[in-house]
Protein backbone atom coordinates (compact mmCIF):
# COMPACT_ATOMS: atom_id res chain seq x y z
CA MET A 1 -12.05 -21.97 -2.46
CA THR A 2 -9.87 -20.18 -5.04
CA ASP A 3 -6.56 -21.49 -6.35
CA ILE A 4 -4.75 -18.82 -4.35
CA THR A 5 -6.52 -19.84 -1.15
CA ARG A 6 -5.69 -23.50 -1.81
CA VAL A 7 -2.01 -22.72 -2.33
CA LEU A 8 -1.93 -20.50 0.78
CA PHE A 9 -3.43 -23.37 2.77
CA ALA A 10 -0.82 -25.78 1.36
CA ILE A 11 1.97 -23.37 2.34
CA GLU A 12 0.54 -23.19 5.87
CA GLN A 13 0.46 -27.00 6.01
CA GLY A 14 4.18 -27.08 5.15
CA ASP A 15 4.01 -28.20 1.52
CA PRO A 16 7.50 -27.34 0.20
CA LEU A 17 6.29 -26.97 -3.40
CA ALA A 18 3.37 -24.66 -2.64
CA ALA A 19 5.41 -21.45 -2.29
CA GLY A 20 6.64 -21.89 -5.84
CA GLN A 21 3.04 -22.18 -7.04
CA LEU A 22 1.90 -18.95 -5.37
CA LEU A 23 3.95 -16.38 -7.27
CA PRO A 24 2.62 -17.32 -10.74
CA LEU A 25 -0.95 -17.07 -9.39
CA VAL A 26 -0.56 -13.59 -7.85
CA TYR A 27 2.24 -12.04 -9.89
CA ASP A 28 0.17 -10.34 -12.61
CA GLU A 29 -2.27 -8.85 -10.13
CA LEU A 30 0.51 -7.63 -7.82
CA ARG A 31 2.40 -6.14 -10.76
CA ILE A 32 -0.68 -4.22 -11.91
CA LEU A 33 -1.16 -2.84 -8.41
CA ALA A 34 2.52 -1.89 -8.13
CA ALA A 35 2.53 -0.23 -11.56
CA ARG A 36 -0.54 1.83 -10.65
CA LYS A 37 1.07 2.99 -7.45
CA LEU A 38 4.41 3.82 -9.03
CA ALA A 39 2.70 5.76 -11.83
CA HIS A 40 2.02 8.46 -9.21
CA GLU A 41 5.65 8.64 -8.09
CA LYS A 42 8.27 11.13 -9.27
CA PRO A 43 9.92 10.49 -12.65
CA GLY A 44 13.30 8.81 -12.38
CA GLN A 45 12.09 6.44 -9.68
CA THR A 46 14.76 3.84 -8.90
CA LEU A 47 12.14 1.27 -7.95
CA ASP A 48 10.02 -0.20 -10.74
CA ALA A 49 6.86 -2.30 -10.50
CA THR A 50 8.73 -5.57 -10.94
CA ALA A 51 11.19 -4.72 -8.17
CA LEU A 52 8.37 -3.60 -5.86
CA VAL A 53 6.45 -6.85 -6.44
CA HIS A 54 9.53 -9.00 -5.87
CA GLU A 55 10.52 -7.15 -2.71
CA ALA A 56 6.96 -7.35 -1.33
CA TYR A 57 6.69 -11.04 -2.23
CA LEU A 58 10.00 -11.86 -0.52
CA ARG A 59 8.78 -10.13 2.62
CA LEU A 60 5.49 -12.03 2.56
CA VAL A 61 6.52 -15.59 1.86
CA GLY A 62 7.74 -17.45 4.90
CA GLU A 63 6.98 -14.65 7.37
CA GLN A 64 3.32 -15.37 8.04
CA THR A 65 0.36 -17.47 7.07
CA PHE A 66 -2.66 -16.20 5.18
CA GLU A 67 -6.27 -17.15 5.74
CA SER A 68 -7.47 -16.21 2.27
CA ARG A 69 -6.79 -14.38 -0.94
CA ARG A 70 -8.19 -11.24 0.72
CA HIS A 71 -5.78 -11.59 3.62
CA PHE A 72 -2.83 -12.14 1.26
CA PHE A 73 -3.54 -9.00 -0.79
CA ALA A 74 -4.05 -6.92 2.35
CA ALA A 75 -0.64 -8.13 3.56
CA ALA A 76 0.84 -7.35 0.13
CA ALA A 77 -0.53 -3.80 0.38
CA GLU A 78 1.11 -3.43 3.79
CA ALA A 79 4.42 -4.79 2.45
CA MET A 80 4.32 -2.35 -0.48
CA ARG A 81 3.52 0.46 1.95
CA ARG A 82 6.54 -0.34 4.07
CA ILE A 83 8.83 -0.56 1.05
CA LEU A 84 7.65 2.79 -0.32
CA VAL A 85 7.95 4.43 3.11
CA GLU A 86 11.49 3.08 3.55
CA GLN A 87 12.44 4.39 0.12
CA ALA A 88 10.85 7.80 0.81
CA ARG A 89 12.74 8.04 4.10
CA ARG A 90 16.04 7.21 2.38
CA ARG A 91 15.47 9.87 -0.28
CA SER A 92 14.29 12.43 2.28
CA ALA A 93 17.33 11.88 4.47
CA GLY A 94 19.53 13.23 1.65
CA LYS A 95 17.33 16.30 1.22
CA ARG A 96 17.61 17.56 4.80
CA GLY A 97 19.85 20.51 5.40
CA GLY A 98 20.52 23.51 3.19
CA GLN A 99 19.04 22.21 -0.05
CA SER A 100 15.72 24.05 0.22
CA GLU A 101 13.29 23.67 -2.64
CA ARG A 102 10.68 26.10 -3.85
CA LYS A 103 7.19 24.62 -3.43
CA SER A 104 4.21 25.50 -5.58
CA LEU A 105 0.90 26.39 -4.01
CA ASP A 106 -2.43 24.83 -4.76
CA ALA A 107 -5.71 26.74 -5.08
CA ALA A 108 -6.17 26.85 -1.31
CA GLY A 109 -2.75 28.45 -0.85
CA MET A 110 -1.27 25.44 0.91
CA ALA A 111 2.10 23.98 0.03
CA VAL A 112 1.74 20.90 -2.16
CA PRO A 113 3.82 18.13 -0.60
CA ALA A 114 6.31 16.19 -2.67
CA PRO A 115 5.35 12.54 -3.15
CA ASP A 116 7.93 11.39 -0.56
CA GLU A 117 6.55 13.85 1.97
CA GLN A 118 3.01 12.74 1.20
CA ILE A 119 3.91 9.07 1.56
CA LEU A 120 5.53 9.72 4.92
CA ALA A 121 2.66 11.93 6.13
CA VAL A 122 0.02 9.34 5.22
CA HIS A 123 2.14 6.58 6.76
CA GLU A 124 2.47 8.45 10.08
CA ALA A 125 -1.24 9.31 10.22
CA LEU A 126 -2.19 5.72 9.35
CA ASN A 127 -0.35 4.40 12.38
CA ASP A 128 -2.74 6.32 14.65
CA PHE A 129 -5.78 5.65 12.46
CA ALA A 130 -5.24 1.86 12.42
CA TYR A 131 -5.83 1.66 16.18
CA ALA A 132 -9.22 3.35 15.98
CA GLU A 133 -10.41 2.17 12.55
CA PRO A 134 -8.50 -0.91 11.31
CA GLN A 135 -10.78 -1.62 8.35
CA ALA A 136 -10.66 2.00 7.16
CA ALA A 137 -6.88 2.01 7.55
CA THR A 138 -6.65 -1.16 5.48
CA LEU A 139 -8.77 0.47 2.78
CA VAL A 140 -6.35 3.42 2.69
CA LYS A 141 -3.39 1.03 2.39
CA LEU A 142 -5.06 -0.82 -0.47
CA ARG A 143 -5.96 2.37 -2.34
CA PHE A 144 -3.03 4.67 -1.55
CA PHE A 145 -0.09 2.29 -1.22
CA SER A 146 -1.16 -0.52 -3.56
CA GLY A 147 -3.06 1.52 -6.11
CA MET A 148 -6.19 -0.63 -6.08
CA THR A 149 -9.35 0.78 -7.59
CA MET A 150 -12.33 1.23 -5.29
CA THR A 151 -13.94 -1.91 -6.75
CA GLU A 152 -10.78 -3.98 -6.21
CA ALA A 153 -10.34 -2.68 -2.66
CA ALA A 154 -13.99 -3.36 -1.82
CA GLU A 155 -13.64 -6.91 -3.11
CA ALA A 156 -10.41 -7.40 -1.15
CA LEU A 157 -12.18 -6.24 2.02
CA GLY A 158 -15.32 -8.27 1.34
CA MET A 159 -17.65 -5.27 1.26
CA SER A 160 -19.87 -3.54 -1.25
CA VAL A 161 -18.41 -0.79 -3.40
CA ARG A 162 -20.89 1.66 -1.85
CA SER A 163 -19.69 0.77 1.67
CA ALA A 164 -16.10 1.13 0.51
CA HIS A 165 -16.87 4.60 -0.91
CA ASP A 166 -18.45 5.64 2.39
CA LEU A 167 -15.48 4.28 4.36
CA TRP A 168 -13.04 5.98 1.94
CA THR A 169 -14.79 9.34 2.42
CA TYR A 170 -14.57 8.94 6.19
CA ALA A 171 -10.92 7.83 6.06
CA ARG A 172 -9.86 10.72 3.82
CA SER A 173 -11.61 13.19 6.09
CA TRP A 174 -9.94 11.76 9.18
CA LEU A 175 -6.51 11.69 7.53
CA HIS A 176 -6.79 15.26 6.21
CA ARG A 177 -7.70 16.52 9.69
CA HIS A 178 -4.88 14.65 11.38
CA MET A 179 -2.21 15.16 8.74
CA GLY A 180 -2.77 18.90 8.97
CA ASN A 181 -2.05 18.79 12.72
CA LYS A 182 1.40 17.27 12.34
C-alpha cells in the first residue's frame, strides 16, 4: 500500500489530519500534469498550473472517497477536465455573435479548431463515449485533460503500455468519427 493509498484510507475513516497530509504527497505530480496540459493552451491563459491544481484539489477533497492512488488520479483528471471545460465555455460565451475570426486550414482542408472549441468538442464526445467504453474514456481524460504521458496513463489505469496504446488508438478513432458528426 502506497503512502497516498494509506492517507486516502485514513481520510475515508474520518481522520481529521489526513486531508492535510494528502496535498503534499500528490501536489508535485498534479502540478506536473496541470503544467503539461496548460502548455497546449492559448498564450495569455488566465489559469496557471498552480491554480488548476488547487481548484481540482478543492473539488476532490471532501466530495468523495478514493479506493487507491489510481482512483484518486483518475478523479483528478476528471476534475481538471471539468475546470477546463467550464473555462472554455466562459471564454466561448464572449466570442459568440459578430466577432467572427478567420480560421486557418490544415493539410486536409478542414478548419483547425481553437483550443476552447477542441476542449468542448472532446468533452461533448466523451460524454457519449463514457457510456460505451468507460476505460477508454478515462484514458482520454488522463491523456487529453490531465496531460499524462502514455506510460503514466497506463500505470494509472493498471494496464500495460501496449494495451494503453491500443486503447488510445481505438479511442482517438471513435472520437474523430463522432466529433466530425457534431
